[in-house]
Amino acid sequence: MTWNELKETQEKIVKIITNSIRKQRLAHAYLFEGAKGTGKRKVALQLAKTFFCDEKEGVEACGTCSDCKRIESGNHPDVHIIQPDGQTIKIDQIRNLKKEFSYRGMESIRKFYIIEDAEKMTISAANGLLKFLEEPDGQSIAVLTTTEVHRILSTILSRTQILSFTPLTPLKLMETLEKNGVTRPITRLLGQLTNDIEEAYQLYHDDWIVQARSIMIQLVEEVSARPHQVLLTLQENWFPHFKEKNQLNLGLDLLLLWYRDVLRTLIATEDQLIFVDHTDKLERQALNSSQRKVSQQMAAILEAKRRLSANVNPQLLMEQLMMRLQEG
């Protein structure tokens, strides 16, 4: 990863940090705030590489030296990452970190700390961190990350440089995925399912989203043309693939996007389709449907999502949904 690559998704943030690097005016403590998946951890690790790399060209760390490689693999002795222990970050974790502050670095006098989900610090832990933030030594950098900046103590906010990470737009996420080799039909789909680039890559890896899409399309075809096959497909294909609750929720999102495309086909707004490589199936389904029927089907899927969040049995939920989709 390089600053140029990170600029594709967080241009403003990267400009601020790289300008500070050029001027040798990096802050001693940053607070990266923004939604999950906006790249806060990646930027923090890239900053750590730049901080330690002695072979950098301009603002870019070389990426190949021992420091860069160990930071990338999570094995650098002077880069410390603190994460919640259970539901909170506890005072003992901060005490241990403060002990590290007092020691000389293992390999240099520089040290780098990342405190993830900083909003989960207990009051005592947050107060314990203030000493470092109040007394910078010029050789250490701390990066706190949070998705809920309103939960961070005002005393910490006032002692950090706050950088706000913006969520990716669907278009920007699609462009980033395509540059990294993801095919357009899949990028269009992922751009609707998430604005979290990490989640998008996770769904793409191992062809999970490709298989999910294929199973969903098989299911909706059977709902409209081969209803006697629906329950068998649920048992043999759907449930084995959408095993977890979050996966099933994504499956319902896929169904919702499909029926939205059917509706768009009905009202002649095909330029907005997500399933652009299946227009023949969408047109065939639209011919045997109506705006009212598709709206009812979409409402049934939304109701199923609500019931899933209320922990209704997944098998019962899907079987009942299939009946409602067939009835229209």
C-alpha atoms as a PDB file:
ATOM      1  CA  MET A   1       0.000   0.000   0.000  1.00  0.00           C
ATOM      2  CA  THR A   2       1.213   3.532  -0.810  1.00  0.00           C
ATOM      3  CA  TRP A   3      -0.052   7.045  -0.135  1.00  0.00           C
ATOM      4  CA  ASN A   4      -0.943   7.305  -3.825  1.00  0.00           C
ATOM      5  CA  GLU A   5      -3.123   4.204  -3.552  1.00  0.00           C
ATOM      6  CA  LEU A   6      -4.770   5.456  -0.358  1.00  0.00           C
ATOM      7  CA  LYS A   7      -5.466   8.780  -2.058  1.00  0.00           C
ATOM      8  CA  GLU A   8      -7.960   6.979  -4.309  1.00  0.00           C
ATOM      9  CA  THR A   9     -10.332   6.516  -1.367  1.00  0.00           C
ATOM     10  CA  GLN A  10      -9.330   9.242   1.140  1.00  0.00           C
ATOM     11  CA  GLU A  11      -7.780  12.040  -0.913  1.00  0.00           C
ATOM     12  CA  LYS A  12      -8.288  14.852   1.620  1.00  0.00           C
ATOM     13  CA  ILE A  13      -6.857  12.851   4.538  1.00  0.00           C
ATOM     14  CA  VAL A  14      -3.817  11.748   2.543  1.00  0.00           C
ATOM     15  CA  LYS A  15      -3.086  15.321   1.429  1.00  0.00           C
ATOM     16  CA  ILE A  16      -3.161  16.575   5.025  1.00  0.00           C
ATOM     17  CA  ILE A  17      -0.840  13.839   6.283  1.00  0.00           C
ATOM     18  CA  THR A  18       1.626  13.901   3.380  1.00  0.00           C
ATOM     19  CA  ASN A  19       1.883  17.702   3.586  1.00  0.00           C
ATOM     20  CA  SER A  20       2.749  17.318   7.274  1.00  0.00           C
ATOM     21  CA  ILE A  21       5.375  14.701   6.387  1.00  0.00           C
ATOM     22  CA  ARG A  22       6.975  17.022   3.817  1.00  0.00           C
ATOM     23  CA  LYS A  23       7.095  19.876   6.320  1.00  0.00           C
ATOM     24  CA  GLN A  24       8.239  17.546   9.132  1.00  0.00           C
ATOM     25  CA  ARG A  25       5.281  18.682  11.211  1.00  0.00           C
ATOM     26  CA  LEU A  26       3.510  15.454  12.067  1.00  0.00           C
ATOM     27  CA  ALA A  27       1.267  15.706  15.118  1.00  0.00           C
ATOM     28  CA  HIS A  28       2.171  13.608  18.149  1.00  0.00           C
ATOM     29  CA  ALA A  29      -1.407  12.309  18.395  1.00  0.00           C
ATOM     30  CA  TYR A  30      -4.164  11.833  15.818  1.00  0.00           C
ATOM     31  CA  LEU A  31      -7.793  10.845  16.121  1.00  0.00           C
ATOM     32  CA  PHE A  32      -9.073   9.143  12.968  1.00  0.00           C
ATOM     33  CA  GLU A  33     -12.857   9.224  13.061  1.00  0.00           C
ATOM     34  CA  GLY A  34     -15.279   7.815  10.546  1.00  0.00           C
ATOM     35  CA  ALA A  35     -17.497   4.890   9.634  1.00  0.00           C
ATOM     36  CA  LYS A  36     -16.283   1.300   9.610  1.00  0.00           C
ATOM     37  CA  GLY A  37     -14.402   0.418   6.444  1.00  0.00           C
ATOM     38  CA  THR A  38     -13.223   3.923   5.550  1.00  0.00           C
ATOM     39  CA  GLY A  39      -9.543   2.946   5.737  1.00  0.00           C
ATOM     40  CA  LYS A  40      -8.542   4.302   9.144  1.00  0.00           C
ATOM     41  CA  ARG A  41      -6.327   1.323  10.016  1.00  0.00           C
ATOM     42  CA  LYS A  42      -4.658   1.300   6.589  1.00  0.00           C
ATOM     43  CA  VAL A  43      -3.788   4.991   6.848  1.00  0.00           C
ATOM     44  CA  ALA A  44      -2.474   4.501  10.397  1.00  0.00           C
ATOM     45  CA  LEU A  45      -0.201   1.650   9.282  1.00  0.00           C
ATOM     46  CA  GLN A  46       1.017   3.626   6.273  1.00  0.00           C
ATOM     47  CA  LEU A  47       1.855   6.511   8.596  1.00  0.00           C
ATOM     48  CA  ALA A  48       3.776   4.064  10.801  1.00  0.00           C
ATOM     49  CA  LYS A  49       5.764   2.856   7.788  1.00  0.00           C
ATOM     50  CA  THR A  50       6.605   6.417   6.814  1.00  0.00           C
ATOM     51  CA  PHE A  51       7.598   7.196  10.404  1.00  0.00           C
ATOM     52  CA  PHE A  52      10.051   4.286  10.644  1.00  0.00           C
ATOM     53  CA  CYS A  53      11.277   3.836   7.066  1.00  0.00           C
ATOM     54  CA  ASP A  54      14.810   5.165   6.482  1.00  0.00           C
ATOM     55  CA  GLU A  55      14.683   4.379   2.762  1.00  0.00           C
ATOM     56  CA  LYS A  56      11.636   6.432   1.819  1.00  0.00           C
ATOM     57  CA  GLU A  57      11.478   8.486  -1.355  1.00  0.00           C
ATOM     58  CA  GLY A  58       9.838  11.788  -0.569  1.00  0.00           C
ATOM     59  CA  VAL A  59       6.755  10.897   1.474  1.00  0.00           C
ATOM     60  CA  GLU A  60       6.531   7.286   0.288  1.00  0.00           C
ATOM     61  CA  ALA A  61       7.898   4.486   2.458  1.00  0.00           C
ATOM     62  CA  CYS A  62       9.941   2.023   0.413  1.00  0.00           C
ATOM     63  CA  GLY A  63       7.724  -0.940   1.322  1.00  0.00           C
ATOM     64  CA  THR A  64      10.638  -3.375   1.078  1.00  0.00           C
ATOM     65  CA  CYS A  65      12.910  -2.645   4.053  1.00  0.00           C
ATOM     66  CA  SER A  66      12.766  -4.614   7.295  1.00  0.00           C
ATOM     67  CA  ASP A  67      10.741  -1.909   9.077  1.00  0.00           C
ATOM     68  CA  CYS A  68       8.108  -1.685   6.319  1.00  0.00           C
ATOM     69  CA  LYS A  69       7.742  -5.452   5.995  1.00  0.00           C
ATOM     70  CA  ARG A  70       7.384  -6.019   9.731  1.00  0.00           C
ATOM     71  CA  ILE A  71       4.814  -3.244  10.089  1.00  0.00           C
ATOM     72  CA  GLU A  72       2.861  -4.781   7.202  1.00  0.00           C
ATOM     73  CA  SER A  73       2.930  -8.207   8.860  1.00  0.00           C
ATOM     74  CA  GLY A  74       2.175  -6.843  12.349  1.00  0.00           C
ATOM     75  CA  ASN A  75       5.534  -7.871  13.811  1.00  0.00           C
ATOM     76  CA  HIS A  76       7.345  -4.581  14.425  1.00  0.00           C
ATOM     77  CA  PRO A  77       8.532  -4.383  18.058  1.00  0.00           C
ATOM     78  CA  ASP A  78       8.009  -0.616  18.296  1.00  0.00           C
ATOM     79  CA  VAL A  79       4.537  -0.476  16.715  1.00  0.00           C
ATOM     80  CA  HIS A  80       1.865  -1.298  19.288  1.00  0.00           C
ATOM     81  CA  ILE A  81      -1.816  -1.867  18.520  1.00  0.00           C
ATOM     82  CA  ILE A  82      -4.377  -1.839  21.321  1.00  0.00           C
ATOM     83  CA  GLN A  83      -7.842  -3.268  20.714  1.00  0.00           C
ATOM     84  CA  PRO A  84     -10.809  -3.742  23.066  1.00  0.00           C
ATOM     85  CA  ASP A  85     -10.441  -6.583  25.544  1.00  0.00           C
ATOM     86  CA  GLY A  86     -14.008  -7.850  25.336  1.00  0.00           C
ATOM     87  CA  GLN A  87     -16.360  -4.866  25.248  1.00  0.00           C
ATOM     88  CA  THR A  88     -13.916  -2.223  26.535  1.00  0.00           C
ATOM     89  CA  ILE A  89     -10.334  -1.004  26.531  1.00  0.00           C
ATOM     90  CA  LYS A  90      -9.298  -1.316  30.155  1.00  0.00           C
ATOM     91  CA  ILE A  91      -7.024   0.757  32.382  1.00  0.00           C
ATOM     92  CA  ASP A  92      -4.498  -2.100  32.614  1.00  0.00           C
ATOM     93  CA  GLN A  93      -4.055  -2.010  28.840  1.00  0.00           C
ATOM     94  CA  ILE A  94      -3.247   1.701  29.014  1.00  0.00           C
ATOM     95  CA  ARG A  95      -0.929   1.171  31.998  1.00  0.00           C
ATOM     96  CA  ASN A  96       1.007  -1.408  30.004  1.00  0.00           C
ATOM     97  CA  LEU A  97       1.180   1.026  27.112  1.00  0.00           C
ATOM     98  CA  LYS A  98       2.456   3.779  29.401  1.00  0.00           C
ATOM     99  CA  LYS A  99       5.216   1.441  30.577  1.00  0.00           C
ATOM    100  CA  GLU A 100       6.246   1.120  26.950  1.00  0.00           C
ATOM    101  CA  PHE A 101       6.305   4.928  26.730  1.00  0.00           C
ATOM    102  CA  SER A 102       8.945   5.002  29.450  1.00  0.00           C
ATOM    103  CA  TYR A 103      11.271   2.516  27.737  1.00  0.00           C
ATOM    104  CA  ARG A 104      13.598   3.195  24.878  1.00  0.00           C
ATOM    105  CA  GLY A 105      12.372   1.600  21.656  1.00  0.00           C
ATOM    106  CA  MET A 106      13.601  -1.914  20.947  1.00  0.00           C
ATOM    107  CA  GLU A 107      15.455  -0.825  17.800  1.00  0.00           C
ATOM    108  CA  SER A 108      15.297   2.982  17.823  1.00  0.00           C
ATOM    109  CA  ILE A 109      14.011   5.796  20.004  1.00  0.00           C
ATOM    110  CA  ARG A 110      10.846   6.010  17.886  1.00  0.00           C
ATOM    111  CA  LYS A 111       7.553   4.396  18.867  1.00  0.00           C
ATOM    112  CA  PHE A 112       4.122   4.239  17.281  1.00  0.00           C
ATOM    113  CA  TYR A 113       0.806   3.386  18.938  1.00  0.00           C
ATOM    114  CA  ILE A 114      -2.583   2.628  17.433  1.00  0.00           C
ATOM    115  CA  ILE A 115      -5.586   2.486  19.754  1.00  0.00           C
ATOM    116  CA  GLU A 116      -8.512   1.031  17.809  1.00  0.00           C
ATOM    117  CA  ASP A 117     -12.149   1.648  18.775  1.00  0.00           C
ATOM    118  CA  ALA A 118     -10.987   4.337  21.185  1.00  0.00           C
ATOM    119  CA  GLU A 119     -14.592   5.134  22.131  1.00  0.00           C
ATOM    120  CA  LYS A 120     -14.544   1.847  24.064  1.00  0.00           C
ATOM    121  CA  MET A 121     -11.958   3.061  26.561  1.00  0.00           C
ATOM    122  CA  THR A 122     -13.286   3.107  30.093  1.00  0.00           C
ATOM    123  CA  ILE A 123     -13.212   6.507  31.806  1.00  0.00           C
ATOM    124  CA  SER A 124     -10.189   5.447  33.845  1.00  0.00           C
ATOM    125  CA  ALA A 125      -8.410   4.163  30.725  1.00  0.00           C
ATOM    126  CA  ALA A 126      -9.117   7.397  28.841  1.00  0.00           C
ATOM    127  CA  ASN A 127      -7.889   9.496  31.746  1.00  0.00           C
ATOM    128  CA  GLY A 128      -4.812   7.285  31.987  1.00  0.00           C
ATOM    129  CA  LEU A 129      -3.966   8.022  28.358  1.00  0.00           C
ATOM    130  CA  LEU A 130      -4.005  11.782  28.888  1.00  0.00           C
ATOM    131  CA  LYS A 131      -0.490  11.906  30.368  1.00  0.00           C
ATOM    132  CA  PHE A 132       1.083  10.816  27.096  1.00  0.00           C
ATOM    133  CA  LEU A 133      -1.129  13.160  25.118  1.00  0.00           C
ATOM    134  CA  GLU A 134      -0.251  16.064  27.423  1.00  0.00           C
ATOM    135  CA  GLU A 135       3.512  15.416  27.389  1.00  0.00           C
ATOM    136  CA  PRO A 136       4.670  14.572  23.850  1.00  0.00           C
ATOM    137  CA  ASP A 137       8.291  13.453  23.675  1.00  0.00           C
ATOM    138  CA  GLY A 138       8.824  14.204  20.008  1.00  0.00           C
ATOM    139  CA  GLN A 139       9.711  10.596  19.202  1.00  0.00           C
ATOM    140  CA  SER A 140       6.312   8.913  19.523  1.00  0.00           C
ATOM    141  CA  ILE A 141       3.093   9.079  17.533  1.00  0.00           C
ATOM    142  CA  ALA A 142      -0.285   7.844  18.733  1.00  0.00           C
ATOM    143  CA  VAL A 143      -3.231   7.205  16.435  1.00  0.00           C
ATOM    144  CA  LEU A 144      -6.668   6.669  17.962  1.00  0.00           C
ATOM    145  CA  THR A 145      -9.456   5.397  15.716  1.00  0.00           C
ATOM    146  CA  THR A 146     -13.182   5.607  16.343  1.00  0.00           C
ATOM    147  CA  THR A 147     -16.550   5.214  14.656  1.00  0.00           C
ATOM    148  CA  GLU A 148     -18.262   7.204  17.432  1.00  0.00           C
ATOM    149  CA  VAL A 149     -16.341  10.407  18.002  1.00  0.00           C
ATOM    150  CA  HIS A 150     -19.097  11.792  20.259  1.00  0.00           C
ATOM    151  CA  ARG A 151     -18.130   9.182  22.866  1.00  0.00           C
ATOM    152  CA  ILE A 152     -14.513  10.354  23.125  1.00  0.00           C
ATOM    153  CA  LEU A 153     -13.632  12.505  26.153  1.00  0.00           C
ATOM    154  CA  SER A 154     -13.361  16.209  25.320  1.00  0.00           C
ATOM    155  CA  THR A 155      -9.960  16.283  27.023  1.00  0.00           C
ATOM    156  CA  ILE A 156      -8.699  13.727  24.496  1.00  0.00           C
ATOM    157  CA  LEU A 157     -10.322  15.512  21.560  1.00  0.00           C
ATOM    158  CA  SER A 158      -8.542  18.731  22.505  1.00  0.00           C
ATOM    159  CA  ARG A 159      -5.141  17.007  22.541  1.00  0.00           C
ATOM    160  CA  THR A 160      -5.347  15.232  19.199  1.00  0.00           C
ATOM    161  CA  GLN A 161      -5.499  16.288  15.578  1.00  0.00           C
ATOM    162  CA  ILE A 162      -8.885  15.045  14.402  1.00  0.00           C
ATOM    163  CA  LEU A 163      -9.127  13.735  10.844  1.00  0.00           C
ATOM    164  CA  SER A 164     -12.574  12.779   9.548  1.00  0.00           C
ATOM    165  CA  PHE A 165     -12.729   9.857   7.107  1.00  0.00           C
ATOM    166  CA  THR A 166     -15.616   9.998   4.644  1.00  0.00           C
ATOM    167  CA  PRO A 167     -17.520   6.885   3.500  1.00  0.00           C
ATOM    168  CA  LEU A 168     -16.959   5.779  -0.066  1.00  0.00           C
ATOM    169  CA  THR A 169     -19.708   6.585  -2.546  1.00  0.00           C
ATOM    170  CA  PRO A 170     -20.965   3.552  -4.512  1.00  0.00           C
ATOM    171  CA  LEU A 171     -19.277   4.968  -7.637  1.00  0.00           C
ATOM    172  CA  LYS A 172     -15.924   5.442  -5.892  1.00  0.00           C
ATOM    173  CA  LEU A 173     -16.077   1.961  -4.389  1.00  0.00           C
ATOM    174  CA  MET A 174     -16.870   0.492  -7.811  1.00  0.00           C
ATOM    175  CA  GLU A 175     -13.972   2.361  -9.437  1.00  0.00           C
ATOM    176  CA  THR A 176     -11.551   1.173  -6.749  1.00  0.00           C
ATOM    177  CA  LEU A 177     -12.690  -2.452  -7.084  1.00  0.00           C
ATOM    178  CA  GLU A 178     -12.456  -2.371 -10.884  1.00  0.00           C
ATOM    179  CA  LYS A 179      -8.908  -1.003 -10.715  1.00  0.00           C
ATOM    180  CA  ASN A 180      -8.071  -4.059  -8.630  1.00  0.00           C
ATOM    181  CA  GLY A 181      -9.477  -6.565 -11.103  1.00  0.00           C
ATOM    182  CA  VAL A 182     -13.067  -7.091  -9.924  1.00  0.00           C
ATOM    183  CA  THR A 183     -15.476  -7.516 -12.848  1.00  0.00           C
ATOM    184  CA  ARG A 184     -18.088  -4.839 -13.477  1.00  0.00           C
ATOM    185  CA  PRO A 185     -21.227  -6.929 -12.743  1.00  0.00           C
ATOM    186  CA  ILE A 186     -19.784  -7.749  -9.321  1.00  0.00           C
ATOM    187  CA  THR A 187     -18.575  -4.191  -8.621  1.00  0.00           C
ATOM    188  CA  ARG A 188     -22.059  -2.852  -9.374  1.00  0.00           C
ATOM    189  CA  LEU A 189     -23.495  -5.307  -6.881  1.00  0.00           C
ATOM    190  CA  LEU A 190     -20.908  -4.674  -4.155  1.00  0.00           C
ATOM    191  CA  GLY A 191     -21.388  -0.927  -4.583  1.00  0.00           C
ATOM    192  CA  GLN A 192     -25.007  -1.400  -3.524  1.00  0.00           C
ATOM    193  CA  LEU A 193     -24.333  -3.816  -0.667  1.00  0.00           C
ATOM    194  CA  THR A 194     -21.640  -1.909   1.232  1.00  0.00           C
ATOM    195  CA  ASN A 195     -19.575   1.279   1.383  1.00  0.00           C
ATOM    196  CA  ASP A 196     -16.866  -0.611   3.281  1.00  0.00           C
ATOM    197  CA  ILE A 197     -14.003  -1.395   0.895  1.00  0.00           C
ATOM    198  CA  GLU A 198     -12.613  -4.051   3.248  1.00  0.00           C
ATOM    199  CA  GLU A 199     -15.985  -5.802   3.459  1.00  0.00           C
ATOM    200  CA  ALA A 200     -16.302  -5.594  -0.331  1.00  0.00           C
ATOM    201  CA  TYR A 201     -12.962  -7.365  -0.813  1.00  0.00           C
ATOM    202  CA  GLN A 202     -13.885  -9.916   1.843  1.00  0.00           C
ATOM    203  CA  LEU A 203     -17.139 -10.735   0.032  1.00  0.00           C
ATOM    204  CA  TYR A 204     -15.297 -10.989  -3.273  1.00  0.00           C
ATOM    205  CA  HIS A 205     -12.580 -13.308  -2.008  1.00  0.00           C
ATOM    206  CA  ASP A 206     -13.222 -17.042  -2.417  1.00  0.00           C
ATOM    207  CA  ASP A 207     -16.013 -16.134  -4.878  1.00  0.00           C
ATOM    208  CA  TRP A 208     -18.539 -15.852  -2.024  1.00  0.00           C
ATOM    209  CA  ILE A 209     -20.474 -13.001  -3.625  1.00  0.00           C
ATOM    210  CA  VAL A 210     -20.279 -14.600  -7.093  1.00  0.00           C
ATOM    211  CA  GLN A 211     -21.824 -17.816  -5.768  1.00  0.00           C
ATOM    212  CA  ALA A 212     -24.366 -15.896  -3.680  1.00  0.00           C
ATOM    213  CA  ARG A 213     -25.481 -13.971  -6.760  1.00  0.00           C
ATOM    214  CA  SER A 214     -25.825 -17.157  -8.796  1.00  0.00           C
ATOM    215  CA  ILE A 215     -27.884 -18.917  -6.091  1.00  0.00           C
ATOM    216  CA  MET A 216     -30.159 -15.893  -5.693  1.00  0.00           C
ATOM    217  CA  ILE A 217     -30.822 -15.697  -9.449  1.00  0.00           C
ATOM    218  CA  GLN A 218     -31.597 -19.430  -9.564  1.00  0.00           C
ATOM    219  CA  LEU A 219     -34.036 -18.955  -6.681  1.00  0.00           C
ATOM    220  CA  VAL A 220     -35.954 -16.021  -8.201  1.00  0.00           C
ATOM    221  CA  GLU A 221     -36.234 -17.843 -11.521  1.00  0.00           C
ATOM    222  CA  GLU A 222     -37.780 -20.789  -9.724  1.00  0.00           C
ATOM    223  CA  VAL A 223     -40.141 -18.539  -7.767  1.00  0.00           C
ATOM    224  CA  SER A 224     -41.588 -17.252 -11.040  1.00  0.00           C
ATOM    225  CA  ALA A 225     -41.259 -20.296 -13.336  1.00  0.00           C
ATOM    226  CA  ARG A 226     -40.609 -23.483 -11.309  1.00  0.00           C
ATOM    227  CA  PRO A 227     -42.241 -23.007  -7.883  1.00  0.00           C
ATOM    228  CA  HIS A 228     -42.122 -26.751  -7.115  1.00  0.00           C
ATOM    229  CA  GLN A 229     -38.289 -26.479  -7.044  1.00  0.00           C
ATOM    230  CA  VAL A 230     -38.060 -23.596  -4.562  1.00  0.00           C
ATOM    231  CA  LEU A 231     -37.904 -25.520  -1.272  1.00  0.00           C
ATOM    232  CA  LEU A 232     -35.335 -27.947  -2.693  1.00  0.00           C
ATOM    233  CA  THR A 233     -33.110 -25.062  -3.813  1.00  0.00           C
ATOM    234  CA  LEU A 234     -33.410 -23.487  -0.370  1.00  0.00           C
ATOM    235  CA  GLN A 235     -32.242 -26.698   1.286  1.00  0.00           C
ATOM    236  CA  GLU A 236     -29.531 -27.699  -1.188  1.00  0.00           C
ATOM    237  CA  ASN A 237     -28.076 -24.318  -2.175  1.00  0.00           C
ATOM    238  CA  TRP A 238     -29.404 -21.331  -0.214  1.00  0.00           C
ATOM    239  CA  PHE A 239     -28.986 -22.413   3.408  1.00  0.00           C
ATOM    240  CA  PRO A 240     -25.534 -24.044   2.928  1.00  0.00           C
ATOM    241  CA  HIS A 241     -24.242 -20.774   1.420  1.00  0.00           C
ATOM    242  CA  PHE A 242     -26.040 -18.220   3.612  1.00  0.00           C
ATOM    243  CA  LYS A 243     -25.158 -19.960   6.879  1.00  0.00           C
ATOM    244  CA  GLU A 244     -24.658 -17.004   9.215  1.00  0.00           C
ATOM    245  CA  LYS A 245     -27.202 -14.355  10.130  1.00  0.00           C
ATOM    246  CA  ASN A 246     -25.211 -11.579   8.455  1.00  0.00           C
ATOM    247  CA  GLN A 247     -24.875 -13.714   5.308  1.00  0.00           C
ATOM    248  CA  LEU A 248     -28.617 -14.342   5.226  1.00  0.00           C
ATOM    249  CA  ASN A 249     -29.198 -10.615   5.612  1.00  0.00           C
ATOM    250  CA  LEU A 250     -26.981 -10.044   2.564  1.00  0.00           C
ATOM    251  CA  GLY A 251     -28.968 -12.711   0.716  1.00  0.00           C
ATOM    252  CA  LEU A 252     -32.154 -10.767   1.421  1.00  0.00           C
ATOM    253  CA  ASP A 253     -30.415  -7.620   0.169  1.00  0.00           C
ATOM    254  CA  LEU A 254     -29.604  -9.463  -3.070  1.00  0.00           C
ATOM    255  CA  LEU A 255     -33.250 -10.450  -3.464  1.00  0.00           C
ATOM    256  CA  LEU A 256     -34.307  -6.862  -2.831  1.00  0.00           C
ATOM    257  CA  LEU A 257     -31.892  -5.547  -5.466  1.00  0.00           C
ATOM    258  CA  TRP A 258     -33.161  -8.118  -7.978  1.00  0.00           C
ATOM    259  CA  TYR A 259     -36.798  -7.151  -7.557  1.00  0.00           C
ATOM    260  CA  ARG A 260     -35.821  -3.483  -7.707  1.00  0.00           C
ATOM    261  CA  ASP A 261     -34.257  -4.245 -11.094  1.00  0.00           C
ATOM    262  CA  VAL A 262     -37.497  -5.959 -12.170  1.00  0.00           C
ATOM    263  CA  LEU A 263     -39.360  -2.793 -11.176  1.00  0.00           C
ATOM    264  CA  ARG A 264     -36.890  -0.615 -13.083  1.00  0.00           C
ATOM    265  CA  THR A 265     -37.377  -2.837 -16.127  1.00  0.00           C
ATOM    266  CA  LEU A 266     -41.136  -2.347 -15.843  1.00  0.00           C
ATOM    267  CA  ILE A 267     -40.853   1.446 -15.710  1.00  0.00           C
ATOM    268  CA  ALA A 268     -38.145   1.608 -18.399  1.00  0.00           C
ATOM    269  CA  THR A 269     -35.199   2.825 -16.311  1.00  0.00           C
ATOM    270  CA  GLU A 270     -32.850   0.052 -17.428  1.00  0.00           C
ATOM    271  CA  ASP A 271     -29.855   2.409 -17.364  1.00  0.00           C
ATOM    272  CA  GLN A 272     -29.900   2.043 -13.555  1.00  0.00           C
ATOM    273  CA  LEU A 273     -29.882  -1.772 -13.469  1.00  0.00           C
ATOM    274  CA  ILE A 274     -27.520  -3.653 -11.162  1.00  0.00           C
ATOM    275  CA  PHE A 275     -27.860  -7.057 -12.853  1.00  0.00           C
ATOM    276  CA  VAL A 276     -26.933  -5.726 -16.290  1.00  0.00           C
ATOM    277  CA  ASP A 277     -25.776  -9.131 -17.512  1.00  0.00           C
ATOM    278  CA  HIS A 278     -29.200 -10.693 -16.861  1.00  0.00           C
ATOM    279  CA  THR A 279     -31.520  -8.287 -18.677  1.00  0.00           C
ATOM    280  CA  ASP A 280     -33.171 -11.193 -20.510  1.00  0.00           C
ATOM    281  CA  LYS A 281     -34.280 -12.767 -17.225  1.00  0.00           C
ATOM    282  CA  LEU A 282     -35.390  -9.401 -15.831  1.00  0.00           C
ATOM    283  CA  GLU A 283     -37.463  -8.673 -18.948  1.00  0.00           C
ATOM    284  CA  ARG A 284     -39.031 -12.130 -18.871  1.00  0.00           C
ATOM    285  CA  GLN A 285     -39.984 -11.686 -15.229  1.00  0.00           C
ATOM    286  CA  ALA A 286     -41.266  -8.152 -15.838  1.00  0.00           C
ATOM    287  CA  LEU A 287     -43.563  -9.403 -18.621  1.00  0.00           C
ATOM    288  CA  ASN A 288     -45.342 -11.641 -16.122  1.00  0.00           C
ATOM    289  CA  SER A 289     -45.560  -9.056 -13.381  1.00  0.00           C
ATOM    290  CA  SER A 290     -46.801  -5.550 -12.549  1.00  0.00           C
ATOM    291  CA  GLN A 291     -45.550  -2.577 -10.565  1.00  0.00           C
ATOM    292  CA  ARG A 292     -48.020  -3.381  -7.798  1.00  0.00           C
ATOM    293  CA  LYS A 293     -46.937  -7.022  -7.576  1.00  0.00           C
ATOM    294  CA  VAL A 294     -43.212  -6.189  -7.510  1.00  0.00           C
ATOM    295  CA  SER A 295     -43.782  -3.525  -4.854  1.00  0.00           C
ATOM    296  CA  GLN A 296     -45.534  -6.142  -2.705  1.00  0.00           C
ATOM    297  CA  GLN A 297     -42.648  -8.575  -3.238  1.00  0.00           C
ATOM    298  CA  MET A 298     -40.122  -5.928  -2.178  1.00  0.00           C
ATOM    299  CA  ALA A 299     -42.228  -5.141   0.892  1.00  0.00           C
ATOM    300  CA  ALA A 300     -42.221  -8.853   1.784  1.00  0.00           C
ATOM    301  CA  ILE A 301     -38.407  -8.941   1.605  1.00  0.00           C
ATOM    302  CA  LEU A 302     -38.115  -5.848   3.805  1.00  0.00           C
ATOM    303  CA  GLU A 303     -40.450  -7.490   6.310  1.00  0.00           C
ATOM    304  CA  ALA A 304     -38.261 -10.614   6.238  1.00  0.00           C
ATOM    305  CA  LYS A 305     -35.203  -8.460   7.024  1.00  0.00           C
ATOM    306  CA  ARG A 306     -37.051  -6.973   9.992  1.00  0.00           C
ATOM    307  CA  ARG A 307     -38.031 -10.440  11.222  1.00  0.00           C
ATOM    308  CA  LEU A 308     -34.453 -11.674  10.808  1.00  0.00           C
ATOM    309  CA  SER A 309     -33.227  -8.872  13.078  1.00  0.00           C
ATOM    310  CA  ALA A 310     -35.842 -10.069  15.607  1.00  0.00           C
ATOM    311  CA  ASN A 311     -34.218 -13.543  15.511  1.00  0.00           C
ATOM    312  CA  VAL A 312     -37.010 -15.433  13.734  1.00  0.00           C
ATOM    313  CA  ASN A 313     -35.922 -18.951  12.708  1.00  0.00           C
ATOM    314  CA  PRO A 314     -34.096 -18.546   9.341  1.00  0.00           C
ATOM    315  CA  GLN A 315     -35.637 -21.630   7.710  1.00  0.00           C
ATOM    316  CA  LEU A 316     -39.170 -20.637   8.667  1.00  0.00           C
ATOM    317  CA  LEU A 317     -38.488 -17.060   7.587  1.00  0.00           C
ATOM    318  CA  MET A 318     -37.251 -18.044   4.118  1.00  0.00           C
ATOM    319  CA  GLU A 319     -40.002 -20.595   3.492  1.00  0.00           C
ATOM    320  CA  GLN A 320     -42.664 -18.033   4.390  1.00  0.00           C
ATOM    321  CA  LEU A 321     -40.944 -15.406   2.241  1.00  0.00           C
ATOM    322  CA  MET A 322     -40.914 -17.748  -0.764  1.00  0.00           C
ATOM    323  CA  MET A 323     -44.659 -18.275  -0.384  1.00  0.00           C
ATOM    324  CA  ARG A 324     -45.257 -14.521  -0.308  1.00  0.00           C
ATOM    325  CA  LEU A 325     -43.031 -13.953  -3.341  1.00  0.00           C
ATOM    326  CA  GLN A 326     -44.960 -16.589  -5.292  1.00  0.00           C
ATOM    327  CA  GLU A 327     -48.270 -15.025  -4.310  1.00  0.00           C
ATOM    328  CA  GLY A 328     -47.028 -11.547  -5.188  1.00  0.00           C
END
